[in-house]
Protein backbone atom coordinates (compact mmCIF):
# COMPACT_ATOMS: atom_id res chain seq x y z
CA MET A 1 44.52 -28.38 -95.83
CA SER A 2 45.83 -26.31 -92.95
CA GLY A 3 48.27 -27.37 -90.27
CA LYS A 4 47.39 -28.98 -86.96
CA PHE A 5 48.90 -29.76 -83.59
CA GLU A 6 48.98 -33.41 -82.55
CA LEU A 7 49.04 -33.84 -78.78
CA LYS A 8 50.40 -37.22 -77.72
CA LYS A 9 51.31 -39.16 -74.60
CA ALA A 10 54.72 -40.85 -74.43
CA LYS A 11 55.27 -44.31 -72.97
CA ASP A 12 56.61 -42.75 -69.77
CA GLY A 13 53.33 -40.85 -69.27
CA GLN A 14 54.62 -37.44 -70.30
CA PHE A 15 52.95 -35.30 -72.96
CA TYR A 16 54.34 -33.70 -76.10
CA PHE A 17 53.09 -32.19 -79.33
CA ASN A 18 54.06 -31.84 -82.95
CA LEU A 19 52.95 -29.12 -85.34
CA LEU A 20 52.17 -30.62 -88.73
CA ALA A 21 51.99 -28.69 -91.99
CA GLY A 22 49.02 -29.17 -94.29
CA ASN A 23 50.90 -31.97 -96.07
CA GLY A 24 51.33 -33.92 -92.81
CA GLN A 25 55.05 -33.13 -92.39
CA VAL A 26 56.22 -32.43 -88.82
CA ILE A 27 57.53 -28.86 -88.77
CA LEU A 28 57.94 -28.30 -85.01
CA SER A 29 58.23 -30.59 -81.99
CA SER A 30 57.87 -29.75 -78.32
CA GLU A 31 59.76 -30.82 -75.25
CA MET A 32 58.24 -33.37 -72.88
CA TYR A 33 55.72 -32.09 -70.35
CA LYS A 34 54.73 -33.83 -67.11
CA ALA A 35 51.14 -32.53 -67.28
CA LYS A 36 48.69 -32.35 -70.17
CA ASP A 37 47.73 -28.78 -69.25
CA SER A 38 51.39 -27.76 -69.55
CA ALA A 39 51.54 -29.24 -73.06
CA LEU A 40 48.35 -27.37 -73.99
CA ASN A 41 49.92 -24.17 -72.67
CA GLY A 42 52.94 -24.94 -74.87
CA ILE A 43 50.65 -25.16 -77.92
CA ASP A 44 49.15 -21.77 -77.02
CA SER A 45 52.65 -20.36 -76.67
CA VAL A 46 53.62 -21.61 -80.14
CA LYS A 47 50.48 -20.02 -81.62
CA LYS A 48 51.26 -16.67 -79.97
CA ASN A 49 55.01 -16.61 -80.56
CA ALA A 50 55.02 -17.86 -84.17
CA GLN A 51 54.18 -14.33 -85.31
CA ARG A 52 56.51 -12.52 -82.91
CA GLU A 53 59.55 -10.75 -84.32
CA GLY A 54 62.76 -12.37 -83.07
CA ALA A 55 61.06 -15.51 -81.73
CA PHE A 56 62.93 -17.87 -84.07
CA GLU A 57 66.60 -18.69 -83.68
CA THR A 58 68.39 -20.65 -86.39
CA LYS A 59 71.19 -23.04 -85.44
CA ILE A 60 73.58 -25.51 -87.03
CA SER A 61 73.97 -28.99 -85.53
CA SER A 62 77.27 -30.79 -85.01
CA ASN A 63 76.74 -32.63 -88.32
CA ASP A 64 76.17 -29.35 -90.23
CA LYS A 65 72.38 -29.65 -90.47
CA HIS A 66 70.30 -26.51 -90.07
CA TYR A 67 67.42 -26.26 -87.61
CA PHE A 68 65.54 -23.65 -85.62
CA VAL A 69 64.04 -23.18 -82.20
CA LEU A 70 61.00 -21.09 -81.31
CA LYS A 71 61.33 -19.16 -78.06
CA ALA A 72 58.68 -17.64 -75.82
CA THR A 73 59.02 -14.03 -74.66
CA ASN A 74 60.82 -15.28 -71.50
CA GLY A 75 63.49 -16.93 -73.68
CA GLN A 76 62.35 -20.49 -73.02
CA VAL A 77 62.37 -22.81 -76.03
CA VAL A 78 58.82 -23.99 -76.80
CA GLY A 79 59.59 -25.96 -79.95
CA GLN A 80 62.35 -27.22 -82.20
CA SER A 81 62.32 -28.01 -85.88
CA GLN A 82 63.47 -31.06 -87.73
CA MET A 83 66.93 -31.00 -89.31
CA TYR A 84 67.28 -29.35 -92.73
CA SER A 85 70.01 -29.79 -95.33
CA SER A 86 70.32 -26.07 -96.08
CA ALA A 87 69.75 -22.64 -94.59
CA SER A 88 67.10 -21.88 -97.21
CA ALA A 89 65.16 -25.07 -96.38
CA CYS A 90 65.35 -24.08 -92.69
CA LYS A 91 63.98 -20.63 -93.55
CA GLY A 92 61.11 -22.36 -95.36
CA GLY A 93 60.39 -24.35 -92.22
CA ILE A 94 60.17 -21.15 -90.17
CA GLU A 95 57.76 -19.67 -92.71
CA SER A 96 55.68 -22.84 -92.53
CA VAL A 97 55.39 -22.53 -88.73
CA GLN A 98 54.46 -18.85 -89.08
CA ASN A 99 51.75 -19.75 -91.60
CA ASN A 100 50.38 -22.89 -89.94
CA ALA A 101 50.63 -22.38 -86.17
CA PRO A 102 48.28 -19.44 -85.45
CA GLY A 103 45.11 -21.07 -86.78
CA ALA A 104 46.01 -24.72 -86.27
CA GLU A 105 43.50 -26.99 -84.52
CA THR A 106 44.65 -29.40 -81.81
CA ASP A 107 44.15 -33.11 -82.41
CA ASP A 108 44.30 -34.67 -78.95
CA GLN A 109 45.63 -38.22 -79.34
CA SER A 110 46.77 -38.53 -75.74
CA ALA A 111 43.76 -40.42 -74.37
């Protein structure tokens, strides 16, 4: 089973999406968007940038967990990973986004 984007609407009316791996695990989450079209543009940006050299930036949180952000060509963050216990697990998460994002379908659950 391949990955998919789940587009959802938050209680405050804003939109967001998660990229799920084939096993259903969330591997990337977006920011909140005021408009549905903006969230859909964010999904397109993840698909395009997941294969771009230098698009991923790894970070370490204040509690020593590893995570990554995916940036668009303009430097804006378009998605952030979950927290990982190690750098190698974080690297695996990046590879999962690179493998799953480009061909992932969008499951619109925002209605």
